[in-house]
Every structure is written in structure tokens, then in C-alpha cells.
């Protein structure tokens, strides 16, 4: 894996990230249950981080739905699957709500930077049989859930982020072996660029995710321009 962040313009991180989130819909029906106005991808991200870490009450299915929307809103087919989940009958939704509350309750209050522990939790998530996280290969969504629980520890296994560091194999973001390599690499990137990561609201792990996503997005834009 390579480091594409040498010379990255960290002072423009938020502006560049927001510009890539044009498909985000602040009035999406998938966000109605949050009870909070979110005007952007980043605003929703911070609400989710806060709600997942709150100990005031057990999270409802509305929180899970909002998390799914945050991860999937740029993928039309995935959004269609999310709508099918939302249209499930009340009995099915109540069952899913119970499973989600049980999953959150089963998570430890904190974890260390230990890849084996992260993999154990990823495997444990599958036993709760939640839509979007059922499949053993649902690593992007399972790591998204774990990231919101442990935002300073767990990076999200995202396809574009992996491509930014040179991992371009098909379905690499569904491969547990890739996850085992990428997670410590992301921690190492955060250490390498530590001096540039202060002053942000996001954790160092999240800042690395965002920067890599931007890098890959710009690479794809340049390639489309050359093809034209």
C-alpha cells in the first residue's frame, strides 16, 4: 500500500470533501427519524457519532437507517435496497430494532488499536442478522458501524479509499485479508501526517479516510477528463 497524502492540502479538506458529496439529500425520508436537521454529509456524520456514543438511551432503528443512508446515498441501487428495508412490515421492523439495540449493547465501551479485536467484532456483528450487515463480506457496512462506535480506532473499509492507496482488485473491500492489512496502514498514515491533523473536529482516523476518498475522487475525475 502507498501513501498518496504527501503534499495534501489539509487546509482545504472540508471544502473539497463537501464538494464531492453532491448527492446528499438533507431532506431524505431516511433521516426523518433522527429528530435533528442535518444539512450535509459531515453534519450527519457528527450527529451519528454523538448518537452512537450516547449512553442516555438504547438506539432506535431510525439511527441504523440514518447510518445506512450515510454510507449508501451515493449508490442508487443500494438506496433501492434501503427503501425495501424501510417498507418492511411493522413486525419485521420491530424485530430488526430489537436486534440493533442488542448489537449496540453487546459492543464494549472502548477498544484498543488491535486488529484481531476489530476482526472479532466484525465477525460478531454477523450473528445479529441485520439488513445491510448480514453477509460475511459486508465489511464496508460493518466497519462503518464500528467506526461510529469507535471513531478514533476503526477506519471504514471503503472501495475508493483502498484504490487511493493502490489496492484496486475487484471486491477488495469485502476481503478480510485486505482489512487486516489496511487497518494498521491507516493508523500508520495518521501517525505520518499527525502534524497536519490538529484543529479538526473529526478523529485522525476519519481525517485519513476523508483525505484518501478525496484523492481517489480527483484521480477518477482526471481519468474521465482524459477519456473525453
Protein backbone atom coordinates (compact mmCIF):
# COMPACT_ATOMS: atom_id res chain seq x y z
CA UNK A 1 0.00 0.00 0.00
CA UNK A 2 1.23 3.51 -0.81
CA UNK A 3 0.89 6.88 0.85
CA UNK A 4 -0.81 9.33 -1.59
CA UNK A 5 -1.14 12.11 1.00
CA UNK A 6 2.31 13.68 0.72
CA UNK A 7 1.65 17.34 -0.03
CA UNK A 8 -2.11 17.00 0.56
CA UNK A 9 -3.84 20.39 1.09
CA UNK A 10 -5.25 19.73 4.54
CA UNK A 11 -6.48 23.30 4.95
CA UNK A 12 -8.97 22.67 2.12
CA UNK A 13 -10.08 19.23 3.35
CA UNK A 14 -13.64 20.14 4.34
CA UNK A 15 -14.27 22.26 1.26
CA UNK A 16 -13.07 19.53 -1.08
CA UNK A 17 -14.92 16.80 0.79
CA UNK A 18 -18.20 18.74 0.75
CA UNK A 19 -17.85 19.33 -2.99
CA UNK A 20 -17.77 15.56 -3.54
CA UNK A 21 -20.98 14.97 -1.56
CA UNK A 22 -23.41 16.46 -4.08
CA UNK A 23 -25.80 13.51 -3.88
CA UNK A 24 -26.51 14.02 -0.20
CA UNK A 25 -30.16 14.93 0.40
CA UNK A 26 -30.73 16.68 3.76
CA UNK A 27 -34.50 16.08 3.47
CA UNK A 28 -34.23 12.37 2.72
CA UNK A 29 -37.03 10.33 4.33
CA UNK A 30 -34.30 8.09 5.73
CA UNK A 31 -33.29 10.91 8.07
CA UNK A 32 -36.74 11.87 9.35
CA UNK A 33 -36.50 9.72 12.46
CA UNK A 34 -33.32 11.42 13.72
CA UNK A 35 -35.20 14.40 15.10
CA UNK A 36 -32.33 16.66 14.04
CA UNK A 37 -31.71 18.81 10.99
CA UNK A 38 -28.62 17.78 9.05
CA UNK A 39 -27.65 19.88 6.07
CA UNK A 40 -24.65 17.94 4.85
CA UNK A 41 -22.82 14.63 4.87
CA UNK A 42 -20.46 15.95 7.53
CA UNK A 43 -23.28 17.25 9.71
CA UNK A 44 -24.96 13.84 9.62
CA UNK A 45 -21.64 12.18 10.38
CA UNK A 46 -21.23 14.17 13.60
CA UNK A 47 -24.82 13.52 14.68
CA UNK A 48 -24.30 9.79 14.16
CA UNK A 49 -21.04 9.80 16.11
CA UNK A 50 -22.76 11.53 19.00
CA UNK A 51 -25.81 9.28 19.00
CA UNK A 52 -23.83 6.06 18.76
CA UNK A 53 -21.68 7.07 21.72
CA UNK A 54 -24.56 8.36 23.85
CA UNK A 55 -25.49 6.31 26.90
CA UNK A 56 -28.76 8.14 27.53
CA UNK A 57 -30.95 5.58 25.81
CA UNK A 58 -30.82 2.50 23.60
CA UNK A 59 -30.64 3.49 19.93
CA UNK A 60 -33.72 3.00 17.78
CA UNK A 61 -33.94 1.67 14.26
CA UNK A 62 -34.05 5.27 13.00
CA UNK A 63 -30.38 5.61 13.90
CA UNK A 64 -29.48 2.47 11.97
CA UNK A 65 -31.47 3.70 8.97
CA UNK A 66 -29.64 7.05 9.05
CA UNK A 67 -26.28 5.26 9.21
CA UNK A 68 -27.22 3.12 6.21
CA UNK A 69 -28.23 6.26 4.32
CA UNK A 70 -24.94 7.99 5.16
CA UNK A 71 -22.94 5.10 3.73
CA UNK A 72 -25.17 4.36 0.73
CA UNK A 73 -26.67 7.63 -0.51
CA UNK A 74 -24.28 7.92 -3.47
CA UNK A 75 -25.21 4.43 -4.78
CA UNK A 76 -28.69 4.34 -6.39
CA UNK A 77 -29.05 0.54 -6.30
CA UNK A 78 -28.07 0.40 -2.64
CA UNK A 79 -30.58 3.12 -1.83
CA UNK A 80 -33.25 0.99 -3.50
CA UNK A 81 -32.38 -1.86 -1.16
CA UNK A 82 -32.59 0.53 1.76
CA UNK A 83 -36.08 1.60 0.70
CA UNK A 84 -37.13 -2.06 0.64
CA UNK A 85 -35.89 -2.45 4.19
CA UNK A 86 -37.84 0.62 5.30
CA UNK A 87 -41.02 -0.66 3.66
CA UNK A 88 -40.87 -3.89 5.65
CA UNK A 89 -43.92 -4.55 7.81
CA UNK A 90 -44.07 -3.41 11.42
CA UNK A 91 -43.32 -6.84 12.83
CA UNK A 92 -40.14 -7.14 10.76
CA UNK A 93 -39.06 -3.61 11.69
CA UNK A 94 -39.68 -4.25 15.37
CA UNK A 95 -37.60 -7.42 15.14
CA UNK A 96 -34.78 -5.54 13.40
CA UNK A 97 -34.97 -2.77 16.02
CA UNK A 98 -34.52 -5.32 18.77
CA UNK A 99 -31.53 -6.88 17.03
CA UNK A 100 -29.93 -3.49 16.51
CA UNK A 101 -30.37 -2.49 20.15
CA UNK A 102 -28.91 -5.85 21.19
CA UNK A 103 -25.93 -5.35 18.86
CA UNK A 104 -25.15 -1.91 20.29
CA UNK A 105 -25.48 -3.23 23.83
CA UNK A 106 -23.10 -6.09 23.03
CA UNK A 107 -20.28 -3.79 21.98
CA UNK A 108 -17.55 -3.00 24.52
CA UNK A 109 -17.43 0.59 25.74
CA UNK A 110 -13.95 1.05 24.26
CA UNK A 111 -11.38 -0.91 22.27
CA UNK A 112 -7.65 -0.65 21.67
CA UNK A 113 -5.90 -0.46 18.31
CA UNK A 114 -5.88 -4.23 17.94
CA UNK A 115 -6.67 -5.69 14.52
CA UNK A 116 -7.61 -9.08 15.97
CA UNK A 117 -10.16 -7.44 18.26
CA UNK A 118 -11.64 -5.48 15.35
CA UNK A 119 -11.94 -8.66 13.29
CA UNK A 120 -13.60 -10.43 16.21
CA UNK A 121 -16.18 -7.67 16.49
CA UNK A 122 -16.74 -7.68 12.73
CA UNK A 123 -17.48 -11.40 12.86
CA UNK A 124 -19.74 -10.96 15.91
CA UNK A 125 -21.85 -8.37 14.07
CA UNK A 126 -22.96 -11.08 11.64
CA UNK A 127 -24.73 -13.01 14.39
CA UNK A 128 -27.32 -10.22 14.73
CA UNK A 129 -28.59 -10.74 11.16
CA UNK A 130 -29.24 -7.07 10.41
CA UNK A 131 -30.12 -5.90 6.88
CA UNK A 132 -27.02 -4.42 5.28
CA UNK A 133 -24.65 -6.31 7.59
CA UNK A 134 -25.83 -9.92 7.21
CA UNK A 135 -23.30 -11.13 4.67
CA UNK A 136 -19.80 -12.11 5.85
CA UNK A 137 -18.49 -9.90 3.02
CA UNK A 138 -20.38 -6.80 4.26
CA UNK A 139 -17.15 -5.32 5.57
CA UNK A 140 -17.80 -1.74 4.38
CA UNK A 141 -21.02 -1.51 6.40
CA UNK A 142 -19.73 -3.45 9.39
CA UNK A 143 -16.65 -1.23 9.61
CA UNK A 144 -18.93 1.82 9.22
CA UNK A 145 -20.90 0.69 12.27
CA UNK A 146 -17.70 0.07 14.23
CA UNK A 147 -16.31 3.42 13.16
CA UNK A 148 -19.29 5.25 14.64
CA UNK A 149 -18.85 3.27 17.86
CA UNK A 150 -15.06 3.77 17.93
CA UNK A 151 -14.25 6.74 15.66
CA UNK A 152 -10.67 7.08 16.90
CA UNK A 153 -9.84 3.42 16.26
CA UNK A 154 -11.70 1.80 13.34
CA UNK A 155 -11.32 3.11 9.78
CA UNK A 156 -14.01 2.37 7.20
CA UNK A 157 -13.08 -0.22 4.57
CA UNK A 158 -14.18 1.81 1.55
CA UNK A 159 -13.52 0.85 -2.08
CA UNK A 160 -12.38 4.33 -3.14
CA UNK A 161 -10.11 4.66 -0.13
CA UNK A 162 -8.47 1.33 -0.92
CA UNK A 163 -7.98 2.39 -4.54
CA UNK A 164 -6.30 5.58 -3.32
CA UNK A 165 -3.64 3.50 -1.52
CA UNK A 166 -3.14 1.24 -4.54
CA UNK A 167 -5.48 -1.68 -3.78
CA UNK A 168 -7.53 -1.99 -6.95
CA UNK A 169 -8.53 -5.67 -7.03
CA UNK A 170 -12.23 -6.41 -7.50
CA UNK A 171 -14.09 -6.77 -4.20
CA UNK A 172 -11.02 -5.83 -2.15
CA UNK A 173 -13.32 -4.01 0.26
CA UNK A 174 -15.05 -7.32 1.01
CA UNK A 175 -11.84 -9.22 1.81
CA UNK A 176 -10.93 -9.68 5.47
CA UNK A 177 -7.28 -10.14 4.49
CA UNK A 178 -7.27 -6.67 2.93
CA UNK A 179 -8.88 -5.28 6.06
CA UNK A 180 -6.15 -6.80 8.21
CA UNK A 181 -3.55 -5.00 6.11
CA UNK A 182 -5.38 -1.71 5.63
CA UNK A 183 -6.38 -1.01 9.24
CA UNK A 184 -2.80 -0.78 10.62
CA UNK A 185 -1.77 1.05 7.44
CA UNK A 186 -4.43 3.71 8.13
CA UNK A 187 -3.14 4.06 11.69
CA UNK A 188 0.38 4.47 10.30
CA UNK A 189 -0.82 7.15 7.86
CA UNK A 190 -2.37 9.05 10.77
CA UNK A 191 0.99 8.94 12.58
CA UNK A 192 2.90 10.07 9.48
CA UNK A 193 0.64 13.08 8.96
CA UNK A 194 -0.03 13.77 12.63
CA UNK A 195 1.27 17.35 12.50
CA UNK A 196 -1.39 18.26 9.90
CA UNK A 197 -4.34 16.63 11.67
CA UNK A 198 -4.87 19.01 14.58
CA UNK A 199 -7.67 21.56 14.71
CA UNK A 200 -10.31 19.34 13.10
CA UNK A 201 -13.49 18.07 14.73
CA UNK A 202 -13.02 14.62 13.20
CA UNK A 203 -10.69 11.96 14.60
CA UNK A 204 -7.33 11.32 12.97
CA UNK A 205 -8.64 8.02 11.60
CA UNK A 206 -11.62 9.76 10.00
CA UNK A 207 -9.45 12.54 8.55
CA UNK A 208 -7.29 9.96 6.80
CA UNK A 209 -10.44 8.29 5.39
CA UNK A 210 -11.71 11.63 4.10
CA UNK A 211 -8.41 12.64 2.53
CA UNK A 212 -7.97 9.30 0.76
CA UNK A 213 -11.54 9.49 -0.54
CA UNK A 214 -10.81 12.94 -1.97
CA UNK A 215 -7.56 11.77 -3.58
CA UNK A 216 -9.30 8.88 -5.34
CA UNK A 217 -12.20 11.07 -6.40
CA UNK A 218 -9.83 13.53 -8.04
CA UNK A 219 -7.96 10.70 -9.77
CA UNK A 220 -11.23 9.40 -11.25
CA UNK A 221 -12.17 12.93 -12.37
CA UNK A 222 -8.84 13.33 -14.17
CA UNK A 223 -9.24 9.95 -15.87
CA UNK A 224 -12.71 10.88 -17.12
CA UNK A 225 -11.30 14.14 -18.45
CA UNK A 226 -8.53 12.33 -20.35
CA UNK A 227 -11.05 9.86 -21.79
CA UNK A 228 -13.19 12.74 -23.06
